[in-house]
């Protein structure tokens, strides 16, 4: 299998970059740093804006400390309260267009396309 993708790197002024890779069937991003020491990420937030009529298979919680909760099927993403947090992985489905979107997170250290390393 070929590791074929298009890549965009956005360099910031404080010694780090945001790297995007777009594949035929997905996209990935990672933060890259040229800092000499290890760093600690205190918070990270990713937002995905989908217009209706997406349905979803989600694990939803009011607290971010929950993990491995049961999944619930939603006929419409509008049913999910704005105050709830969605735990990854999550699947969104657009039935009319036969599209499925999975949002997942890797460990960041060992995953082939999301390694924590200096460039």
Protein backbone atom coordinates (compact mmCIF):
# COMPACT_ATOMS: atom_id res chain seq x y z
CA UNK A 1 0.00 0.00 0.00
CA UNK A 2 1.35 3.42 -0.97
CA UNK A 3 1.45 6.23 1.58
CA UNK A 4 0.16 8.87 -0.87
CA UNK A 5 -1.02 12.26 0.40
CA UNK A 6 -0.87 16.01 -0.14
CA UNK A 7 0.65 18.02 2.68
CA UNK A 8 0.33 21.55 4.02
CA UNK A 9 2.56 22.89 6.80
CA UNK A 10 1.74 26.13 8.63
CA UNK A 11 4.77 27.51 10.47
CA UNK A 12 4.22 29.69 13.53
CA UNK A 13 6.68 32.20 14.96
CA UNK A 14 7.22 30.34 18.24
CA UNK A 15 9.13 27.27 17.00
CA UNK A 16 6.17 25.04 16.12
CA UNK A 17 4.10 24.12 13.08
CA UNK A 18 0.72 22.59 12.24
CA UNK A 19 1.00 19.87 9.62
CA UNK A 20 -2.01 18.67 7.60
CA UNK A 21 -2.04 15.58 5.38
CA UNK A 22 -4.90 14.83 3.01
CA UNK A 23 -5.28 11.27 1.75
CA UNK A 24 -7.81 9.82 -0.72
CA UNK A 25 -9.97 8.61 2.15
CA UNK A 26 -9.11 10.85 5.05
CA UNK A 27 -7.19 13.71 6.60
CA UNK A 28 -4.78 13.94 9.51
CA UNK A 29 -3.11 16.76 11.39
CA UNK A 30 -0.33 16.96 13.92
CA UNK A 31 1.57 19.58 15.83
CA UNK A 32 5.32 19.61 15.14
CA UNK A 33 7.90 21.35 17.28
CA UNK A 34 11.56 22.22 16.90
CA UNK A 35 11.89 22.91 20.62
CA UNK A 36 14.88 21.14 22.22
CA UNK A 37 12.99 19.73 25.23
CA UNK A 38 9.80 17.75 25.58
CA UNK A 39 6.59 19.75 25.87
CA UNK A 40 3.31 19.24 27.67
CA UNK A 41 0.00 19.90 25.93
CA UNK A 42 -2.34 21.17 28.63
CA UNK A 43 -5.46 21.33 26.46
CA UNK A 44 -6.51 20.51 22.93
CA UNK A 45 -9.83 21.10 21.23
CA UNK A 46 -10.96 20.11 17.75
CA UNK A 47 -14.28 21.28 16.32
CA UNK A 48 -16.05 19.69 13.38
CA UNK A 49 -18.91 21.74 11.90
CA UNK A 50 -21.44 19.62 10.01
CA UNK A 51 -24.68 20.84 8.52
CA UNK A 52 -27.76 18.70 8.89
CA UNK A 53 -28.98 16.07 7.92
CA UNK A 54 -26.11 14.05 9.45
CA UNK A 55 -26.96 11.20 11.76
CA UNK A 56 -24.35 9.94 14.19
CA UNK A 57 -23.09 7.12 16.38
CA UNK A 58 -21.61 8.87 19.43
CA UNK A 59 -20.46 8.47 22.97
CA UNK A 60 -21.62 11.68 24.65
CA UNK A 61 -20.84 12.95 28.15
CA UNK A 62 -21.28 16.21 30.09
CA UNK A 63 -17.79 15.65 31.62
CA UNK A 64 -14.47 15.29 29.82
CA UNK A 65 -13.23 12.82 32.42
CA UNK A 66 -15.42 9.99 31.10
CA UNK A 67 -13.95 7.28 28.91
CA UNK A 68 -15.28 4.24 27.07
CA UNK A 69 -18.95 5.02 27.47
CA UNK A 70 -21.71 3.24 25.51
CA UNK A 71 -22.52 4.59 22.04
CA UNK A 72 -25.90 6.05 21.13
CA UNK A 73 -27.39 6.34 17.64
CA UNK A 74 -28.75 9.80 16.79
CA UNK A 75 -31.01 10.25 13.77
CA UNK A 76 -29.97 13.90 13.60
CA UNK A 77 -26.92 15.59 15.14
CA UNK A 78 -29.23 18.42 16.24
CA UNK A 79 -30.39 16.01 19.00
CA UNK A 80 -27.00 16.30 20.74
CA UNK A 81 -26.97 19.09 23.33
CA UNK A 82 -24.43 21.88 22.80
CA UNK A 83 -23.31 21.37 26.40
CA UNK A 84 -22.37 17.72 25.79
CA UNK A 85 -18.89 16.55 24.83
CA UNK A 86 -18.34 13.87 22.22
CA UNK A 87 -15.67 11.28 22.98
CA UNK A 88 -13.64 9.91 20.08
CA UNK A 89 -13.95 7.85 18.02
CA UNK A 90 -17.21 9.22 16.64
CA UNK A 91 -19.03 8.43 13.39
CA UNK A 92 -21.17 10.88 11.39
CA UNK A 93 -23.34 9.65 8.52
CA UNK A 94 -24.94 11.55 5.62
CA UNK A 95 -27.38 8.95 4.27
CA UNK A 96 -28.47 10.81 1.12
CA UNK A 97 -24.87 11.22 -0.07
CA UNK A 98 -23.65 7.85 1.28
CA UNK A 99 -20.89 9.61 3.24
CA UNK A 100 -19.37 8.48 6.52
CA UNK A 101 -16.94 10.52 8.61
CA UNK A 102 -15.03 9.00 11.51
CA UNK A 103 -13.21 11.32 13.91
CA UNK A 104 -10.53 9.49 15.89
CA UNK A 105 -7.37 10.26 17.82
CA UNK A 106 -4.10 8.36 17.96
CA UNK A 107 -1.68 8.16 20.86
CA UNK A 108 0.63 10.71 19.27
CA UNK A 109 3.83 8.81 20.05
CA UNK A 110 3.76 5.62 18.03
CA UNK A 111 1.14 6.15 15.32
CA UNK A 112 2.77 6.21 11.90
CA UNK A 113 1.23 9.53 10.75
CA UNK A 114 1.14 11.34 14.07
CA UNK A 115 4.49 10.88 15.74
CA UNK A 116 5.59 13.33 18.42
CA UNK A 117 9.00 14.34 17.16
CA UNK A 118 11.04 17.33 16.12
CA UNK A 119 11.30 18.11 12.41
